Amino acid sequence: MSRFRHVKGVIGLCVVLSVGPAWADSNPFVGRWHWNRAQSTLPAGEPVPNDVTAEISDADGTHLKWSLTVVAPPAPPDVETFDAPANGEFHPVSNDTSAAFRLTGGDLQATFKGTTGQTDTMTCTVAADQKTMHCSGTLSDGLGHTASYIDVYDRM
């Protein structure tokens, strides 16, 4: 279970939501984000993509809509989308992955689950200047092995 295949939301991208109606007009997570390879830390053995871009187009505290593009040649770019409630309940992302998102304060908490027990749990925050998003996560293979990572994204 490649972390980048299942972390397609955060990235977002990330993905990346508002805390509530007060942020509706100035949601710090909404926008285009570019993965910063130099400031990110991958788990040992994790393949390094050439490029990752996340776009969060709707994040109002109750709903999340995002798109993540991962470029890892020789394969063509992999694009995944998520368009569902941000209520902490799991919703399908692909045939083999489901995801749940929840807002707590200024953080976005995301959990991705694979069909054989793998998980990817992360928390993302946006810097005060709203130019950087920082996501800390933990991968689990479902057999008791875990690895931590940090993904940093710059606003485009």
Protein backbone atom coordinates (compact mmCIF):
# COMPACT_ATOMS: atom_id res chain seq x y z
CA MET A 1 0.00 0.00 0.00
CA SER A 2 1.86 3.03 -1.21
CA ARG A 3 1.34 6.00 1.08
CA PHE A 4 0.97 8.39 -1.84
CA ARG A 5 -1.74 6.24 -3.40
CA HIS A 6 -3.80 6.47 -0.21
CA VAL A 7 -2.92 9.92 1.03
CA LYS A 8 -4.60 11.40 -1.96
CA GLY A 9 -6.66 13.68 0.10
CA VAL A 10 -4.70 15.82 1.96
CA ILE A 11 -3.25 16.22 0.91
CA GLY A 12 -4.10 16.87 0.99
CA LEU A 13 -3.85 16.82 0.18
CA CYS A 14 -3.72 16.73 1.88
CA VAL A 15 -5.38 17.39 1.69
CA VAL A 16 -7.92 20.33 4.30
CA LEU A 17 -11.00 21.98 5.57
CA SER A 18 -12.44 24.93 7.45
CA VAL A 19 -13.10 24.77 11.15
CA GLY A 20 -16.58 26.19 10.71
CA PRO A 21 -18.73 28.88 9.14
CA ALA A 22 -16.53 31.69 10.49
CA TRP A 23 -13.77 30.59 8.10
CA ALA A 24 -16.07 30.06 5.13
CA ASP A 25 -14.74 33.05 3.16
CA SER A 26 -11.07 32.67 4.11
CA ASN A 27 -10.58 28.92 4.45
CA PRO A 28 -6.81 28.44 4.70
CA PHE A 29 -6.92 24.92 3.21
CA VAL A 30 -8.76 25.72 -0.05
CA GLY A 31 -6.44 26.17 -3.02
CA ARG A 32 -3.65 24.44 -4.94
CA TRP A 33 -0.77 22.87 -3.03
CA HIS A 34 2.57 21.55 -4.29
CA TRP A 35 4.46 18.85 -2.39
CA ASN A 36 7.83 20.08 -1.08
CA ARG A 37 10.15 17.09 -1.50
CA ALA A 38 13.10 18.74 0.30
CA GLN A 39 11.13 19.43 3.50
CA SER A 40 9.14 16.18 3.53
CA THR A 41 10.30 12.97 5.20
CA LEU A 42 9.24 9.64 3.71
CA PRO A 43 9.25 6.30 5.51
CA ALA A 44 12.22 4.07 4.66
CA GLY A 45 11.67 2.25 1.38
CA GLU A 46 8.77 4.43 0.29
CA PRO A 47 9.02 5.34 -3.43
CA VAL A 48 9.63 9.03 -4.05
CA PRO A 49 7.25 10.56 -6.60
CA ASN A 50 8.54 13.13 -9.07
CA ASP A 51 5.69 15.51 -8.28
CA VAL A 52 2.50 15.78 -6.20
CA THR A 53 -0.14 18.47 -6.55
CA ALA A 54 -3.29 18.72 -4.43
CA GLU A 55 -6.25 20.95 -5.16
CA ILE A 56 -8.89 21.51 -2.51
CA SER A 57 -11.91 23.18 -4.10
CA ASP A 58 -14.57 22.80 -1.42
CA ALA A 59 -14.02 22.61 2.32
CA ASP A 60 -16.76 24.13 4.41
CA GLY A 61 -16.48 22.07 7.56
CA THR A 62 -19.16 19.59 6.52
CA HIS A 63 -18.02 18.68 3.01
CA LEU A 64 -14.68 18.06 1.30
CA LYS A 65 -13.87 18.04 -2.40
CA TRP A 66 -10.29 17.55 -3.54
CA SER A 67 -8.14 16.24 -6.33
CA LEU A 68 -4.61 14.87 -6.03
CA THR A 69 -2.20 14.27 -8.90
CA VAL A 70 0.86 12.10 -8.32
CA VAL A 71 3.54 11.86 -11.01
CA ALA A 72 5.76 8.80 -10.60
CA PRO A 73 7.17 7.69 -13.97
CA PRO A 74 7.18 5.42 -15.81
CA ALA A 75 3.46 5.26 -15.01
CA PRO A 76 1.15 8.02 -16.25
CA PRO A 77 0.06 10.63 -13.68
CA ASP A 78 -2.31 9.16 -11.10
CA VAL A 79 -5.28 11.42 -10.32
CA GLU A 80 -7.67 10.68 -7.47
CA THR A 81 -10.60 12.69 -6.19
CA PHE A 82 -12.70 12.76 -3.05
CA ASP A 83 -16.12 14.38 -2.84
CA ALA A 84 -17.97 13.47 0.35
CA PRO A 85 -19.03 14.62 3.81
CA ALA A 86 -16.25 15.53 6.25
CA ASN A 87 -17.97 13.89 9.19
CA GLY A 88 -15.44 11.29 10.32
CA GLU A 89 -17.27 8.44 8.57
CA PHE A 90 -15.48 6.29 6.00
CA HIS A 91 -16.31 6.77 2.31
CA PRO A 92 -14.76 5.00 -0.71
CA VAL A 93 -11.88 6.70 -2.48
CA SER A 94 -11.07 3.83 -4.87
CA ASN A 95 -11.79 0.11 -5.23
CA ASP A 96 -9.34 -0.74 -2.45
CA THR A 97 -9.32 2.37 -0.24
CA SER A 98 -11.76 4.24 1.98
CA ALA A 99 -11.13 7.50 3.82
CA ALA A 100 -12.56 9.48 6.72
CA PHE A 101 -11.94 13.16 7.48
CA ARG A 102 -12.70 15.22 10.57
CA LEU A 103 -11.94 18.77 11.67
CA THR A 104 -10.69 19.45 15.17
CA GLY A 105 -9.79 23.06 15.87
CA GLY A 106 -7.53 24.21 13.01
CA ASP A 107 -6.45 20.65 12.15
CA LEU A 108 -7.65 18.24 9.53
CA GLN A 109 -7.51 14.62 10.64
CA ALA A 110 -7.62 11.97 7.93
CA THR A 111 -7.56 8.19 8.00
CA PHE A 112 -7.22 5.99 4.93
CA LYS A 113 -7.95 2.24 5.14
CA GLY A 114 -7.00 -0.51 2.72
CA THR A 115 -8.91 -3.75 2.21
CA THR A 116 -6.34 -5.89 4.07
CA GLY A 117 -6.06 -3.78 7.22
CA GLN A 118 -3.48 -1.18 6.18
CA THR A 119 -4.03 2.35 7.47
CA ASP A 120 -2.59 5.79 6.91
CA THR A 121 -3.51 8.28 9.63
CA MET A 122 -2.50 11.94 9.36
CA THR A 123 -3.09 15.38 10.79
CA CYS A 124 -2.62 18.49 8.64
CA THR A 125 -2.33 22.14 9.64
CA VAL A 126 -1.81 25.33 7.66
CA ALA A 127 0.87 27.79 8.81
CA ALA A 128 -0.23 31.19 10.14
CA ASP A 129 0.92 32.88 6.89
CA GLN A 130 -1.22 30.32 4.94
CA LYS A 131 1.67 29.58 2.56
CA THR A 132 2.58 26.11 3.89
CA MET A 133 0.62 23.03 4.90
CA HIS A 134 2.26 20.49 7.21
CA CYS A 135 0.94 16.91 7.45
CA SER A 136 2.28 14.40 10.01
CA GLY A 137 1.25 10.81 9.57
CA THR A 138 1.71 7.18 10.46
CA LEU A 139 1.44 4.19 8.15
CA SER A 140 0.47 0.77 9.47
CA ASP A 141 0.62 -2.42 7.44
CA GLY A 142 -2.09 -4.07 9.55
CA LEU A 143 0.43 -6.53 10.97
CA GLY A 144 1.80 -4.32 13.75
CA HIS A 145 4.50 -2.53 11.72
CA THR A 146 4.33 1.27 11.60
CA ALA A 147 6.31 4.08 9.99
CA SER A 148 5.99 7.83 10.43
CA TYR A 149 6.28 10.53 7.79
CA ILE A 150 5.95 14.27 7.27
CA ASP A 151 4.55 15.86 4.12
CA VAL A 152 5.04 19.57 3.54
CA TYR A 153 3.07 21.43 0.86
CA ASP A 154 3.60 24.94 -0.49
CA ARG A 155 0.68 27.00 -1.73
CA MET A 156 0.78 27.47 -5.49
